[in-house]
Protein backbone atom coordinates (compact mmCIF):
# COMPACT_ATOMS: atom_id res chain seq x y z
CA MET A 1 -9.29 -33.76 3.14
CA GLY A 2 -5.58 -33.21 3.52
CA LYS A 3 -4.78 -31.63 6.80
CA ASN A 4 -2.79 -29.17 4.66
CA LYS A 5 -4.59 -26.76 2.95
CA VAL A 6 -4.19 -23.56 3.95
CA TYR A 7 -6.85 -20.94 3.50
CA ILE A 8 -5.55 -17.02 3.43
CA GLU A 9 -7.52 -14.12 3.43
CA THR A 10 -5.58 -10.98 3.17
CA TYR A 11 -7.03 -7.15 4.91
CA GLY A 12 -5.33 -3.80 4.98
CA CYS A 13 -2.08 -1.99 3.04
CA GLN A 14 -0.44 -3.82 0.20
CA MET A 15 2.19 -4.45 2.90
CA ASN A 16 -0.60 -6.73 4.21
CA LEU A 17 -0.47 -7.91 1.19
CA ALA A 18 3.61 -8.55 1.00
CA ASP A 19 3.13 -9.97 4.47
CA SER A 20 0.82 -12.47 2.51
CA GLU A 21 2.96 -13.67 -0.14
CA ILE A 22 6.39 -14.31 2.73
CA VAL A 23 3.60 -16.44 4.86
CA LYS A 24 2.94 -18.25 1.45
CA SER A 25 6.76 -18.91 0.40
CA ILE A 26 7.15 -19.63 4.96
CA LEU A 27 4.07 -22.74 4.16
CA LYS A 28 4.78 -24.30 1.17
CA ASP A 29 8.35 -24.76 2.76
CA LYS A 30 6.62 -26.52 5.18
CA GLY A 31 4.89 -29.33 3.11
CA TYR A 32 1.66 -27.03 3.38
CA ASP A 33 -0.80 -26.61 -0.34
CA PHE A 34 -2.87 -23.56 -0.48
CA THR A 35 -7.10 -22.95 -1.87
CA GLU A 36 -9.15 -20.95 -2.75
CA ASP A 37 -11.89 -22.66 -1.31
CA LEU A 38 -12.66 -21.70 2.16
CA ASN A 39 -14.56 -24.68 3.36
CA SER A 40 -11.82 -27.10 1.90
CA ALA A 41 -9.46 -25.62 4.12
CA ASN A 42 -8.57 -26.83 7.47
CA VAL A 43 -6.28 -23.39 8.30
CA VAL A 44 -7.89 -20.79 8.06
CA LEU A 45 -5.96 -17.62 7.71
CA LEU A 46 -7.16 -13.68 8.30
CA ASN A 47 -3.62 -11.71 7.86
CA THR A 48 -5.23 -8.27 9.16
CA CYS A 49 -4.67 -4.58 9.82
CA SER A 50 -5.61 -1.68 13.09
CA VAL A 51 -4.92 1.22 11.21
CA ARG A 52 -8.09 2.61 11.35
CA ASP A 53 -11.36 0.52 13.72
CA ASN A 54 -13.05 -0.49 10.70
CA ALA A 55 -10.71 -2.72 9.57
CA GLU A 56 -10.69 -4.14 12.66
CA GLN A 57 -14.46 -4.52 12.53
CA ARG A 58 -14.46 -5.92 8.99
CA ILE A 59 -12.46 -9.08 10.24
CA TYR A 60 -15.05 -9.44 13.80
CA GLY A 61 -17.15 -9.84 11.31
CA ARG A 62 -15.65 -12.09 9.53
CA LEU A 63 -14.58 -14.48 12.39
CA GLY A 64 -18.55 -14.92 13.24
CA ASN A 65 -19.02 -16.46 9.95
CA ILE A 66 -15.86 -18.34 9.41
CA LYS A 67 -16.34 -20.25 12.69
CA LYS A 68 -19.39 -21.56 11.66
CA ILE A 69 -17.21 -23.47 9.68
CA LYS A 70 -16.39 -24.59 12.45
CA ASP A 71 -17.97 -26.40 14.62
CA ASN A 72 -19.50 -28.12 11.58
CA ASN A 73 -14.99 -29.41 11.00
CA PRO A 74 -14.04 -28.43 14.59
CA ASP A 75 -10.64 -29.40 13.95
CA THR A 76 -9.97 -26.66 12.09
CA VAL A 77 -7.07 -24.02 12.43
CA ILE A 78 -8.33 -20.80 12.78
CA GLY A 79 -5.55 -17.83 13.07
CA ILE A 80 -5.66 -13.99 12.68
CA LEU A 81 -2.21 -12.94 11.38
CA GLY A 82 -0.03 -9.38 10.78
CA CYS A 83 -1.07 -6.36 13.31
CA MET A 84 -4.37 -7.75 14.35
CA ALA A 85 -2.70 -9.98 15.83
CA GLU A 86 -1.18 -8.19 18.42
CA ARG A 87 -3.41 -5.42 19.12
CA LEU A 88 -5.95 -7.58 20.50
CA ARG A 89 -4.59 -10.84 21.03
CA LYS A 90 -6.06 -11.56 24.83
CA ASP A 91 -9.51 -10.97 23.54
CA LEU A 92 -9.63 -12.80 20.89
CA ILE A 93 -8.31 -15.87 22.43
CA GLU A 94 -8.39 -15.69 25.58
CA GLU A 95 -12.38 -14.04 25.42
CA LYS A 96 -14.17 -14.58 22.35
CA LYS A 97 -12.21 -18.20 22.00
CA ILE A 98 -12.83 -17.81 18.51
CA VAL A 99 -9.74 -18.20 17.54
CA ASP A 100 -6.84 -20.76 18.53
CA LEU A 101 -3.26 -18.95 16.83
CA VAL A 102 -2.65 -14.96 17.00
CA VAL A 103 1.00 -14.81 14.58
CA GLY A 104 2.51 -10.96 14.64
CA PRO A 105 3.75 -9.95 11.89
CA ASP A 106 7.89 -10.37 13.10
CA GLU A 107 6.88 -13.76 13.63
CA TYR A 108 5.46 -15.50 10.30
CA ARG A 109 9.14 -17.63 10.64
CA ARG A 110 7.51 -19.68 13.33
CA LEU A 111 3.63 -19.88 11.80
CA PRO A 112 4.07 -23.59 10.70
CA GLU A 113 5.18 -24.88 14.14
CA PHE A 114 2.15 -22.55 15.28
CA ILE A 115 -0.20 -24.43 13.62
CA ASP A 116 0.91 -27.66 15.27
CA THR A 117 0.11 -26.54 17.99
CA ALA A 118 -2.82 -25.39 17.09
CA TYR A 119 -3.82 -29.16 15.96
CA ALA A 120 -2.53 -30.66 19.45
CA GLY A 121 -5.16 -28.58 20.95
CA GLU A 122 -2.93 -25.66 22.77
CA LYS A 123 -3.27 -21.88 21.41
CA GLY A 124 -0.19 -20.65 19.71
CA ILE A 125 0.56 -17.06 19.73
CA GLY A 126 3.68 -15.11 18.46
CA VAL A 127 2.74 -11.52 18.86
CA LYS A 128 7.21 -10.53 19.72
CA LEU A 129 8.13 -6.85 17.62
CA SER A 130 11.66 -7.38 16.63
CA LYS A 131 14.49 -4.98 15.97
CA THR A 132 15.93 -7.21 12.93
CA GLU A 133 13.60 -9.18 11.03
CA THR A 134 13.33 -8.39 7.31
CA TYR A 135 12.74 -11.73 6.08
CA ASP A 136 15.40 -10.99 3.02
CA ASP A 137 16.23 -14.61 3.46
CA ILE A 138 12.27 -15.43 2.39
CA ILE A 139 11.47 -15.01 -1.55
CA PRO A 140 7.55 -13.97 -1.57
CA TYR A 141 4.95 -16.89 -2.92
CA ARG A 142 3.81 -15.36 -5.68
CA LYS A 143 1.35 -15.95 -8.90
CA ASP A 144 2.48 -15.32 -11.98
CA GLY A 145 1.64 -11.73 -13.52
CA LEU A 146 3.12 -8.12 -14.71
CA SER A 147 3.09 -6.43 -10.68
CA ALA A 148 4.82 -7.25 -7.89
CA TRP A 149 4.80 -5.30 -4.54
CA ILE A 150 8.34 -5.60 -2.54
CA SER A 151 8.82 -4.74 0.77
CA VAL A 152 12.35 -3.21 1.25
CA MET A 153 11.91 -1.85 5.03
CA ARG A 154 9.59 -3.19 8.36
CA GLY A 155 7.80 -0.42 11.10
CA CYS A 156 8.17 2.97 11.71
CA ASP A 157 9.86 5.25 13.93
CA LYS A 158 7.96 8.34 13.30
CA PHE A 159 5.40 7.60 16.08
CA CYS A 160 2.47 10.26 14.54
CA THR A 161 -0.31 10.55 17.62
CA PHE A 162 -1.77 9.04 15.22
CA CYS A 163 -1.18 5.72 14.41
CA VAL A 164 -0.60 1.91 15.64
CA VAL A 165 1.93 1.15 13.30
CA PRO A 166 4.82 1.78 15.84
CA PHE A 167 2.97 -1.13 18.34
CA THR A 168 1.33 -3.54 15.82
CA ARG A 169 4.68 -3.56 13.37
CA GLY A 170 7.56 -2.20 15.73
CA ARG A 171 10.87 0.03 15.05
CA GLU A 172 11.99 0.88 11.43
CA ARG A 173 14.54 -1.67 10.12
CA SER A 174 16.00 -2.13 6.47
CA ARG A 175 16.43 -5.00 3.51
CA ASN A 176 19.46 -5.51 2.43
CA LEU A 177 19.51 -3.76 -0.84
CA GLU A 178 21.80 -6.65 -3.26
CA SER A 179 18.17 -8.86 -1.81
CA VAL A 180 15.61 -6.75 -3.21
CA VAL A 181 18.31 -5.94 -6.60
CA ARG A 182 18.28 -9.68 -6.35
CA GLU A 183 14.56 -10.38 -6.17
CA ILE A 184 13.51 -7.67 -8.67
CA GLU A 185 15.95 -10.05 -10.82
CA GLN A 186 14.08 -13.04 -10.45
CA LEU A 187 10.65 -10.89 -11.05
CA SER A 188 11.88 -9.80 -14.98
CA GLU A 189 13.48 -13.52 -15.18
CA ARG A 190 9.13 -13.98 -14.59
CA GLY A 191 8.15 -11.76 -16.98
CA PHE A 192 7.29 -9.06 -14.75
CA LYS A 193 6.88 -5.45 -14.99
CA GLU A 194 6.31 -3.31 -12.75
CA VAL A 195 7.14 -3.48 -8.60
CA THR A 196 6.08 -0.95 -6.02
CA LEU A 197 8.70 -0.88 -3.39
CA LEU A 198 7.06 -1.13 0.21
CA GLY A 199 7.57 0.90 3.33
CA GLN A 200 5.77 2.51 5.92
CA ASN A 201 8.38 5.24 5.25
CA VAL A 202 10.22 4.55 2.41
CA ASN A 203 12.68 7.83 2.95
CA SER A 204 13.73 6.42 5.71
CA TYR A 205 15.64 3.29 4.17
CA ASN A 206 18.68 3.12 4.98
CA ASP A 207 21.72 0.00 4.71
CA ASN A 208 24.79 0.89 5.84
CA GLY A 209 24.00 4.38 4.44
CA ARG A 210 22.71 3.07 1.56
CA ASP A 211 19.16 5.63 1.50
CA PHE A 212 16.33 4.14 -0.26
CA ALA A 213 17.56 6.94 -3.63
CA ASP A 214 20.22 4.67 -3.90
CA LEU A 215 17.51 1.19 -3.32
CA LEU A 216 15.88 3.31 -6.41
CA ALA A 217 18.94 3.81 -8.61
CA ALA A 218 20.41 0.63 -8.61
CA CYS A 219 16.55 -0.79 -9.19
CA ALA A 220 16.20 1.00 -11.89
CA VAL A 221 18.62 -0.31 -14.13
CA VAL A 222 18.02 -3.85 -13.56
CA ASP A 223 15.57 -4.47 -16.24
CA ARG A 224 14.81 -0.68 -18.15
CA SER A 225 11.48 -1.81 -19.17
CA MET A 226 9.82 -2.92 -15.12
CA ARG A 227 8.73 -0.18 -14.20
CA VAL A 228 9.11 1.09 -10.63
CA ARG A 229 6.98 2.48 -7.70
CA PHE A 230 7.37 3.21 -4.50
CA THR A 231 5.15 4.12 -1.75
CA THR A 232 4.88 6.17 1.38
CA SER A 233 7.58 9.35 1.41
CA HIS A 234 7.14 10.77 4.62
CA PRO A 235 7.12 14.91 3.31
CA GLN A 236 10.29 15.11 6.85
CA ASP A 237 12.55 12.99 4.94
CA LEU A 238 11.83 13.30 1.07
CA SER A 239 15.87 14.88 -0.08
CA ASP A 240 16.39 16.31 -3.02
CA LYS A 241 19.13 13.25 -3.53
CA LEU A 242 15.93 11.29 -4.38
CA LEU A 243 13.66 13.88 -6.56
CA TYR A 244 16.65 13.78 -8.77
CA THR A 245 17.54 9.51 -9.10
CA ILE A 246 13.66 9.91 -9.86
CA ALA A 247 14.27 12.27 -13.08
CA GLU A 248 17.52 9.91 -13.84
CA HIS A 249 16.26 7.50 -14.73
CA GLU A 250 13.13 6.41 -17.57
CA ASN A 251 11.29 4.03 -15.27
CA LEU A 252 11.35 5.15 -12.31
CA CYS A 253 6.84 6.43 -12.69
CA ASN A 254 6.74 9.84 -12.16
CA TYR A 255 4.51 9.39 -9.19
CA ILE A 256 4.65 10.39 -5.88
CA HIS A 257 2.49 8.93 -3.19
CA LEU A 258 3.35 12.02 -0.12
CA PRO A 259 0.67 12.06 2.71
CA VAL A 260 -0.40 15.69 4.01
CA GLN A 261 -2.84 14.90 6.99
CA SER A 262 -4.37 17.64 7.05
CA GLY A 263 -3.53 21.29 6.26
CA SER A 264 -3.12 22.85 9.64
CA ASP A 265 0.71 23.26 11.41
CA ARG A 266 -1.72 23.73 14.90
CA ILE A 267 -3.15 19.83 13.38
CA LEU A 268 -0.07 19.15 12.22
CA GLU A 269 1.74 19.49 14.89
CA LEU A 270 -0.65 17.51 17.97
CA MET A 271 -0.52 14.98 14.98
CA ASN A 272 3.23 14.88 15.56
CA ARG A 273 4.14 15.55 11.98
CA THR A 274 7.22 17.33 11.99
CA TYR A 275 7.09 19.25 9.19
CA THR A 276 5.34 22.53 8.56
CA ILE A 277 2.38 23.26 5.63
CA GLU A 278 4.79 25.31 4.31
CA HIS A 279 7.42 22.88 4.01
CA TYR A 280 5.71 20.69 2.26
CA LEU A 281 4.21 22.76 -0.67
CA ASN A 282 8.14 24.11 -1.23
CA LEU A 283 8.83 20.18 -1.55
CA ILE A 284 5.85 20.09 -3.88
CA ASP A 285 7.25 23.01 -5.82
CA LYS A 286 10.67 21.24 -6.01
CA ALA A 287 9.36 18.14 -6.78
CA ARG A 288 7.60 19.94 -10.15
CA LYS A 289 10.93 21.83 -10.53
CA ILE A 290 13.28 18.61 -10.87
CA ILE A 291 10.53 16.26 -12.13
CA PRO A 292 9.03 17.70 -14.84
CA GLY A 293 4.98 16.57 -14.74
CA VAL A 294 4.74 14.89 -11.97
CA SER A 295 2.12 13.57 -9.94
CA PHE A 296 0.93 13.35 -6.10
CA SER A 297 -1.75 12.29 -4.40
CA THR A 298 -1.94 12.05 -0.60
CA ASP A 299 -3.65 10.74 2.52
CA ILE A 300 -6.36 13.33 4.70
CA ILE A 301 -7.59 12.34 8.19
CA SER A 302 -10.92 14.63 8.81
CA GLY A 303 -11.87 15.22 12.32
CA PHE A 304 -8.42 14.50 13.62
CA PRO A 305 -8.71 15.25 17.54
CA THR A 306 -10.12 19.27 18.29
CA GLU A 307 -10.02 20.23 15.00
CA THR A 308 -11.95 23.80 13.88
CA GLU A 309 -13.50 24.49 10.84
CA GLU A 310 -10.55 27.34 10.51
CA ASP A 311 -8.95 23.66 10.11
CA HIS A 312 -10.82 22.08 8.13
CA GLN A 313 -10.70 25.33 5.51
CA MET A 314 -7.19 25.15 5.23
CA THR A 315 -7.01 21.58 4.68
CA LEU A 316 -9.30 22.41 1.24
CA GLU A 317 -6.97 25.20 0.14
CA VAL A 318 -3.59 23.35 0.98
CA MET A 319 -5.72 21.11 -1.95
CA ARG A 320 -6.10 23.68 -3.77
CA LYS A 321 -2.96 24.10 -4.30
CA VAL A 322 -1.23 21.33 -4.66
CA ARG A 323 -3.76 19.84 -7.14
CA TYR A 324 -3.27 15.87 -5.89
CA ASP A 325 -4.14 13.31 -8.97
CA GLY A 326 -5.90 11.08 -5.91
CA ALA A 327 -6.56 10.90 -2.35
CA TYR A 328 -7.02 8.51 0.28
CA MET A 329 -9.39 10.63 2.46
CA PHE A 330 -11.01 9.34 6.04
CA LYS A 331 -12.93 10.10 9.13
CA TYR A 332 -9.81 10.15 12.49
CA SER A 333 -10.28 6.29 13.89
CA PRO A 334 -9.04 7.07 17.70
CA ARG A 335 -7.06 4.18 18.10
CA GLU A 336 -6.08 2.04 21.46
CA GLY A 337 -2.52 2.66 22.53
CA THR A 338 -1.88 5.74 20.61
CA LYS A 339 -1.10 9.32 21.93
CA ALA A 340 -4.23 10.68 20.41
CA TYR A 341 -6.41 7.94 21.75
CA LYS A 342 -5.78 10.67 25.26
CA MET A 343 -6.97 13.44 23.60
CA LYS A 344 -11.15 14.14 23.57
CA ASP A 345 -12.38 12.74 20.29
CA ASP A 346 -14.26 16.18 20.62
CA VAL A 347 -15.42 16.32 16.68
CA PRO A 348 -18.81 15.42 15.80
CA GLU A 349 -19.32 12.34 13.98
CA GLU A 350 -21.82 14.22 11.73
CA VAL A 351 -19.59 17.25 11.54
CA LYS A 352 -16.56 14.52 10.67
CA GLY A 353 -18.66 13.30 7.63
CA ARG A 354 -19.62 16.49 6.52
CA ARG A 355 -16.24 17.99 5.79
CA LEU A 356 -14.91 14.43 4.19
CA SER A 357 -17.45 14.99 2.40
CA GLU A 358 -16.88 18.32 1.65
CA ILE A 359 -12.71 17.06 0.92
CA ILE A 360 -13.70 14.43 -1.37
CA ASP A 361 -16.41 16.45 -2.84
CA LEU A 362 -12.89 18.32 -3.47
CA GLN A 363 -10.98 15.68 -4.25
CA GLN A 364 -13.06 14.48 -7.33
CA LYS A 365 -12.96 17.80 -8.42
CA ILE A 366 -9.73 18.41 -8.46
CA SER A 367 -8.77 15.64 -10.80
CA TYR A 368 -12.29 15.49 -12.74
CA GLU A 369 -10.00 19.15 -14.57
CA ILE A 370 -6.59 17.40 -14.36
CA ASN A 371 -7.64 14.91 -16.71
CA GLN A 372 -9.69 16.26 -18.69
CA GLN A 373 -6.34 18.43 -19.41
CA LEU A 374 -5.46 15.51 -21.00
CA ILE A 375 -7.29 14.72 -24.16
CA GLY A 376 -6.36 14.92 -27.07
CA ASN A 377 -2.73 14.63 -24.49
CA SER A 378 -0.15 11.50 -25.72
CA GLU A 379 0.24 8.85 -22.85
CA ILE A 380 2.30 5.68 -22.27
CA ILE A 381 0.01 2.49 -20.98
CA LEU A 382 1.65 -0.66 -19.06
CA VAL A 383 -1.17 -3.03 -21.06
CA GLU A 384 -3.01 -4.77 -17.87
CA GLY A 385 -5.62 -6.77 -19.29
CA PHE A 386 -8.64 -6.46 -20.28
CA SER A 387 -10.80 -3.81 -19.37
CA LYS A 388 -13.65 -5.17 -15.55
CA LYS A 389 -16.25 -3.89 -17.95
CA SER A 390 -15.76 -5.87 -21.13
CA ASP A 391 -13.14 -8.08 -23.50
CA GLU A 392 -13.76 -5.47 -25.94
CA PHE A 393 -11.86 -2.80 -24.00
CA LEU A 394 -8.20 -3.56 -22.64
CA ALA A 395 -7.05 -2.03 -19.62
CA GLY A 396 -4.01 -0.71 -17.81
CA ARG A 397 -1.88 2.88 -16.35
CA THR A 398 0.38 5.07 -16.56
CA ASP A 399 2.97 6.38 -15.83
CA THR A 400 1.63 8.91 -13.33
CA ASN A 401 -0.74 5.45 -11.87
CA LYS A 402 -3.89 7.07 -13.73
CA VAL A 403 -6.39 4.16 -15.00
CA ALA A 404 -6.89 4.51 -18.68
CA ILE A 405 -9.32 2.26 -21.04
CA PHE A 406 -8.80 1.36 -24.60
CA PRO A 407 -9.86 -0.45 -27.59
CA ALA A 408 -8.26 -4.35 -28.01
CA THR A 409 -6.53 -4.56 -30.59
CA GLU A 410 -5.26 -7.89 -32.70
CA GLY A 411 -1.52 -7.61 -31.70
CA ILE A 412 -1.86 -6.07 -28.29
CA ARG A 413 -1.43 -8.23 -24.99
CA ALA A 414 -1.33 -7.96 -20.98
CA GLY A 415 2.55 -6.20 -20.42
CA ASP A 416 2.95 -4.49 -23.73
CA TYR A 417 3.57 -0.93 -23.79
CA VAL A 418 1.53 1.06 -25.88
CA LYS A 419 1.14 5.42 -26.65
CA ILE A 420 -2.54 6.12 -26.33
CA ARG A 421 -4.71 8.81 -27.52
CA ILE A 422 -7.21 10.64 -24.51
CA THR A 423 -10.35 11.56 -25.91
CA LYS A 424 -12.50 11.15 -23.25
CA ALA A 425 -11.62 11.10 -19.68
CA THR A 426 -13.57 11.14 -15.98
CA SER A 427 -12.09 12.16 -12.45
CA ALA A 428 -10.77 8.37 -12.13
CA THR A 429 -10.72 6.93 -15.80
CA LEU A 430 -8.83 8.19 -18.88
CA PHE A 431 -10.45 7.05 -23.03
CA GLY A 432 -8.30 6.65 -26.05
CA GLU A 433 -7.54 5.50 -28.81
CA VAL A 434 -4.52 3.77 -29.75
CA GLU A 435 -1.79 4.76 -31.90
CA GLU A 436 1.41 2.45 -31.60
CA MET A 437 3.04 0.08 -29.67
CA VAL A 438 6.44 1.29 -28.48
CA SER A 439 9.44 0.60 -26.03
CA LEU A 440 9.96 1.64 -22.46
CA SER A 441 12.60 3.41 -23.44
CA GLU A 442 10.49 5.80 -25.26
CA THR A 443 7.47 5.96 -22.23
CA LYS A 444 9.05 9.37 -20.11
CA VAL A 445 8.82 11.91 -22.62
CA ASN A 446 8.13 14.33 -20.12
CA LYS A 447 11.54 13.92 -18.13
CA THR A 448 13.52 15.55 -20.66
CA GLY A 449 10.33 18.44 -21.25
C-alpha cells in the first residue's frame, strides 16, 4: 500500500464538489494517486459543509467510522477540508483528537505540505481566509463526463444573519473571465455538454468591471452545443442585463435558482436579505416577460427565530404566486458565529416540522400541476445515460432542469440531444417518447415564443 493513495469524500453543495476537483489537481501534481476504496488509502480527506447542523453531525458520525481504520493502521492520515475545518478546528484537533490536519477552503495549495507535516507526527493546520485566492490557474481534476461544475467566484459579502459562508469562505472575489472561458474550452474539447457556473452569489461576479452577464455571454459563445447553467442568484443583484443575456443566447438555460427564504418582509429583514417580497415578485414577473418559458427554483427556511403562523402563511402565499418548479426546503438550524445565533431559537421543533411539511406538500402539488401541463408537449433532452432503474430507458434533463425518462432507442447515447413528447408526469419526473434527434440550436423554441 503506497504512501500516496488518497481517498476523498465530499459533502454539501456543488461548490464543495468543485473544490474537491481542485484538491485532486493539486495533489496529483505532487505525485499522489486516488482510490475509491477507503481501506486502501493512506490519506483520508473529508471535504465538509457547515451550512446546516445535520451536515456537521454526519461528518462527526463518519469520523467515528474512519477512526477504526486509523486504529488498525496508525499511519493513516485523516484530514478535514472545507467549511468545517475553519469553524471547528479546535474541537477536531485539540479536544477530540480525531484528525491530523484541517485545511480551510483558501489553503488547498498547501495541502501537500500539511500532509507531509502529519506524516512527521505533527498536526497540519491551515485555515486562514484569503481576500485574493480564486485558484484561477488550477485546472480541476475531472473524470470524463457530460456535466461539470465551474467555480467562478468565492466567498460572500451579503452576511445573511443565518449563514456561516462569509465566515467559513471569506469575502467575495471573482475569477478572471478569460480563465473561466479557457476552462470551458478545454471541457468542450473533452466532449462535455453542460457546465454550471458556481458562486455563493454569482450575480455579484466582477472582473475589473466585467459583470456576470458579460461572463455568461462569453461562456455561451465557446461552444453552442454546450448548455450553460448557473447557481446561486441573490434577488438584490439580479439585473435586467442578465435576464436579457439569458434570453439572447440559445444555450443559456431557461432556469434560474432564486432563493426567497421567507414570504414575510419582517422575517426577511431579520435575515438581512436586503429585498422585500414586492421587489422579489417584480423580479419574477420581469424575468417571465423577458425570458418566455423560464422556470424557477428556490430555497425556503422554515421556523426562523420569531416566525409566526402569519409569517409562515405568507411564505405559502409566495409559493402559490410564483409557482416554483422546485425548491430546497429546510428547518432553520442555528449556526454558531452568525447574528441569528444570538437570537432566541424560539419556534418549537414540532412547529418547525409541521410548517416544513406544509411547505413541502404545497411544493410537490405545484410541481405536479406544472408537470401535468407539459403532457402532450415536446421537450428537448440532453441524454445523460441509462435511467437508474432500468437499461431499457434513458434519462436526461430538459433546458429547465427537469428529469425526463424515455425508452432506450438505437443510435441514441449519452451526450445526444433528443426531442421527446411528454406522455405522463409526476411531481419530480417527466416521461415521454422519442420524436427525433436534434441539435442544440433547435432547443430554445421558448426563446422565440
